[in-house]
Amino acid sequence: MCAQPAAGAQSVQEELWAAVRTIPAGKVATYGDVAEFTTTVRLTARQVGRLMSLCPEGVPWHRVVGSGGLLPIGKLSPAAEAEQRARLSADGVGFLSSGRIDMAAHRCVPGDLPGLTQE
């Protein structure tokens, strides 16, 4: 069973997941990038990572990655890393020979998203 959010946390989660839903197929964003995509709440990359573990169905969780194109979910579950890698590949995300995501080609920045601009 998933942990229930504290009072007021639901709106934080909903804003976070709304931001993640804007990341287009073929692009990825780091936990820190997603923290910057939220507009009414201030989150850290670590907070984004924790909240992403509660991600509901329909949110493209696989498009949120570690800095430098890493898939940190692999530390917890090699099977989850394989699933994330497969979903990203199906989205058209390319990987370097090192196994990292080609961030130069696939990183989503605020200017790529409707209504968000780089500050």
C-alpha atoms as a PDB file:
ATOM      1  CA  MET A   1       0.000   0.000   0.000  1.00  0.00           C
ATOM      2  CA  CYS A   2       1.280   3.490  -0.873  1.00  0.00           C
ATOM      3  CA  ALA A   3       1.856   6.027   1.860  1.00  0.00           C
ATOM      4  CA  GLN A   4      -0.827   8.683   2.083  1.00  0.00           C
ATOM      5  CA  PRO A   5       0.343  12.266   1.536  1.00  0.00           C
ATOM      6  CA  ALA A   6       0.186  14.743   4.392  1.00  0.00           C
ATOM      7  CA  ALA A   7      -2.453  17.481   4.287  1.00  0.00           C
ATOM      8  CA  GLY A   8      -1.561  19.973   1.571  1.00  0.00           C
ATOM      9  CA  ALA A   9       0.824  17.550  -0.098  1.00  0.00           C
ATOM     10  CA  GLN A  10      -1.764  16.509  -2.670  1.00  0.00           C
ATOM     11  CA  SER A  11      -1.520  19.855  -4.469  1.00  0.00           C
ATOM     12  CA  VAL A  12       2.290  19.632  -4.423  1.00  0.00           C
ATOM     13  CA  GLN A  13       2.143  16.158  -5.920  1.00  0.00           C
ATOM     14  CA  GLU A  14      -0.428  17.172  -8.508  1.00  0.00           C
ATOM     15  CA  GLU A  15       1.706  20.106  -9.638  1.00  0.00           C
ATOM     16  CA  LEU A  16       4.770  17.897  -9.825  1.00  0.00           C
ATOM     17  CA  TRP A  17       2.983  15.234 -11.848  1.00  0.00           C
ATOM     18  CA  ALA A  18       1.462  17.896 -14.125  1.00  0.00           C
ATOM     19  CA  ALA A  19       4.989  19.154 -14.814  1.00  0.00           C
ATOM     20  CA  VAL A  20       6.217  15.618 -15.571  1.00  0.00           C
ATOM     21  CA  ARG A  21       3.297  15.080 -17.956  1.00  0.00           C
ATOM     22  CA  THR A  22       4.572  17.995 -20.076  1.00  0.00           C
ATOM     23  CA  ILE A  23       7.883  16.253 -20.852  1.00  0.00           C
ATOM     24  CA  PRO A  24       7.425  15.108 -24.445  1.00  0.00           C
ATOM     25  CA  ALA A  25       8.252  11.654 -25.752  1.00  0.00           C
ATOM     26  CA  GLY A  26      11.874  11.517 -26.845  1.00  0.00           C
ATOM     27  CA  LYS A  27      12.949  13.913 -24.094  1.00  0.00           C
ATOM     28  CA  VAL A  28      14.002  13.483 -20.464  1.00  0.00           C
ATOM     29  CA  ALA A  29      14.434  15.832 -17.532  1.00  0.00           C
ATOM     30  CA  THR A  30      16.558  15.443 -14.431  1.00  0.00           C
ATOM     31  CA  TYR A  31      15.056  15.523 -10.966  1.00  0.00           C
ATOM     32  CA  GLY A  32      16.534  19.018 -10.630  1.00  0.00           C
ATOM     33  CA  ASP A  33      15.026  20.126 -13.930  1.00  0.00           C
ATOM     34  CA  VAL A  34      11.592  18.943 -12.810  1.00  0.00           C
ATOM     35  CA  ALA A  35      12.004  20.868  -9.555  1.00  0.00           C
ATOM     36  CA  GLU A  36      12.515  23.986 -11.689  1.00  0.00           C
ATOM     37  CA  PHE A  37       9.465  23.166 -13.855  1.00  0.00           C
ATOM     38  CA  THR A  38       7.112  23.490 -10.876  1.00  0.00           C
ATOM     39  CA  THR A  39       5.848  27.048 -10.646  1.00  0.00           C
ATOM     40  CA  THR A  40       3.867  27.457  -7.420  1.00  0.00           C
ATOM     41  CA  VAL A  41       5.904  25.222  -5.109  1.00  0.00           C
ATOM     42  CA  ARG A  42       9.626  25.070  -4.479  1.00  0.00           C
ATOM     43  CA  LEU A  43      11.080  21.581  -4.510  1.00  0.00           C
ATOM     44  CA  THR A  44      14.588  20.158  -4.409  1.00  0.00           C
ATOM     45  CA  ALA A  45      15.768  17.401  -6.701  1.00  0.00           C
ATOM     46  CA  ARG A  46      15.708  15.002  -3.745  1.00  0.00           C
ATOM     47  CA  GLN A  47      12.087  15.905  -2.965  1.00  0.00           C
ATOM     48  CA  VAL A  48      11.146  15.300  -6.592  1.00  0.00           C
ATOM     49  CA  GLY A  49      12.739  11.849  -6.393  1.00  0.00           C
ATOM     50  CA  ARG A  50      10.800  10.959  -3.258  1.00  0.00           C
ATOM     51  CA  LEU A  51       7.493  12.180  -4.677  1.00  0.00           C
ATOM     52  CA  MET A  52       8.086  10.361  -7.954  1.00  0.00           C
ATOM     53  CA  SER A  53       8.032   7.097  -5.998  1.00  0.00           C
ATOM     54  CA  LEU A  54       4.317   7.800  -5.402  1.00  0.00           C
ATOM     55  CA  CYS A  55       3.641   8.510  -9.068  1.00  0.00           C
ATOM     56  CA  PRO A  56       0.165   7.471 -10.252  1.00  0.00           C
ATOM     57  CA  GLU A  57      -0.665   5.605 -13.456  1.00  0.00           C
ATOM     58  CA  GLY A  58      -0.514   7.822 -16.522  1.00  0.00           C
ATOM     59  CA  VAL A  59       2.452   9.942 -15.424  1.00  0.00           C
ATOM     60  CA  PRO A  60       5.525   9.249 -17.594  1.00  0.00           C
ATOM     61  CA  TRP A  61       7.813   8.612 -14.618  1.00  0.00           C
ATOM     62  CA  HIS A  62      10.435   7.054 -16.869  1.00  0.00           C
ATOM     63  CA  ARG A  63      11.234  10.461 -18.414  1.00  0.00           C
ATOM     64  CA  VAL A  64      12.645  11.749 -15.105  1.00  0.00           C
ATOM     65  CA  VAL A  65      16.286  10.731 -14.718  1.00  0.00           C
ATOM     66  CA  GLY A  66      19.370  11.423 -12.665  1.00  0.00           C
ATOM     67  CA  SER A  67      21.861  14.118 -13.504  1.00  0.00           C
ATOM     68  CA  GLY A  68      24.267  13.227 -16.251  1.00  0.00           C
ATOM     69  CA  GLY A  69      21.763  10.835 -17.808  1.00  0.00           C
ATOM     70  CA  LEU A  70      21.919   8.198 -15.097  1.00  0.00           C
ATOM     71  CA  LEU A  71      19.038   5.901 -14.126  1.00  0.00           C
ATOM     72  CA  PRO A  72      19.311   5.892 -10.320  1.00  0.00           C
ATOM     73  CA  ILE A  73      16.288   3.607  -9.962  1.00  0.00           C
ATOM     74  CA  GLY A  74      18.718   0.772 -10.744  1.00  0.00           C
ATOM     75  CA  LYS A  75      20.189   1.102  -7.247  1.00  0.00           C
ATOM     76  CA  LEU A  76      16.850  -0.055  -5.858  1.00  0.00           C
ATOM     77  CA  SER A  77      15.777  -2.472  -8.570  1.00  0.00           C
ATOM     78  CA  PRO A  78      17.629  -3.712 -11.647  1.00  0.00           C
ATOM     79  CA  ALA A  79      14.244  -4.791 -13.059  1.00  0.00           C
ATOM     80  CA  ALA A  80      12.871  -1.249 -12.679  1.00  0.00           C
ATOM     81  CA  GLU A  81      15.968   0.120 -14.411  1.00  0.00           C
ATOM     82  CA  ALA A  82      15.448  -2.307 -17.299  1.00  0.00           C
ATOM     83  CA  GLU A  83      11.811  -1.183 -17.547  1.00  0.00           C
ATOM     84  CA  GLN A  84      12.789   2.489 -17.517  1.00  0.00           C
ATOM     85  CA  ARG A  85      15.457   1.896 -20.160  1.00  0.00           C
ATOM     86  CA  ALA A  86      12.958   0.011 -22.356  1.00  0.00           C
ATOM     87  CA  ARG A  87      10.326   2.747 -22.010  1.00  0.00           C
ATOM     88  CA  LEU A  88      12.861   5.454 -22.845  1.00  0.00           C
ATOM     89  CA  SER A  89      14.094   3.512 -25.871  1.00  0.00           C
ATOM     90  CA  ALA A  90      10.483   3.099 -27.036  1.00  0.00           C
ATOM     91  CA  ASP A  91      10.101   6.892 -26.663  1.00  0.00           C
ATOM     92  CA  GLY A  92      13.107   7.371 -28.964  1.00  0.00           C
ATOM     93  CA  VAL A  93      15.625   8.351 -26.289  1.00  0.00           C
ATOM     94  CA  GLY A  94      19.180   7.414 -27.232  1.00  0.00           C
ATOM     95  CA  PHE A  95      21.865   6.056 -24.956  1.00  0.00           C
ATOM     96  CA  LEU A  96      25.601   6.544 -25.136  1.00  0.00           C
ATOM     97  CA  SER A  97      28.048   3.604 -25.125  1.00  0.00           C
ATOM     98  CA  SER A  98      28.552   4.295 -21.394  1.00  0.00           C
ATOM     99  CA  GLY A  99      24.895   3.392 -20.787  1.00  0.00           C
ATOM    100  CA  ARG A 100      23.957   6.962 -19.929  1.00  0.00           C
ATOM    101  CA  ILE A 101      21.273   8.912 -21.758  1.00  0.00           C
ATOM    102  CA  ASP A 102      22.545  11.246 -24.469  1.00  0.00           C
ATOM    103  CA  MET A 103      21.515  14.376 -22.553  1.00  0.00           C
ATOM    104  CA  ALA A 104      22.781  16.731 -25.260  1.00  0.00           C
ATOM    105  CA  ALA A 105      20.209  15.285 -27.634  1.00  0.00           C
ATOM    106  CA  HIS A 106      17.348  14.439 -25.278  1.00  0.00           C
ATOM    107  CA  ARG A 107      17.326  16.799 -22.291  1.00  0.00           C
ATOM    108  CA  CYS A 108      14.130  18.795 -21.953  1.00  0.00           C
ATOM    109  CA  VAL A 109      14.626  22.376 -20.823  1.00  0.00           C
ATOM    110  CA  PRO A 110      11.933  24.879 -19.796  1.00  0.00           C
ATOM    111  CA  GLY A 111      11.971  26.497 -23.236  1.00  0.00           C
ATOM    112  CA  ASP A 112      10.841  23.141 -24.701  1.00  0.00           C
ATOM    113  CA  LEU A 113       7.693  23.147 -22.586  1.00  0.00           C
ATOM    114  CA  PRO A 114       4.533  25.135 -23.298  1.00  0.00           C
ATOM    115  CA  GLY A 115       4.208  28.084 -20.951  1.00  0.00           C
ATOM    116  CA  LEU A 116       7.641  27.710 -19.319  1.00  0.00           C
ATOM    117  CA  THR A 117      10.633  29.879 -20.008  1.00  0.00           C
ATOM    118  CA  GLN A 118      14.166  29.855 -18.657  1.00  0.00           C
ATOM    119  CA  GLU A 119      14.568  32.386 -15.834  1.00  0.00           C
END
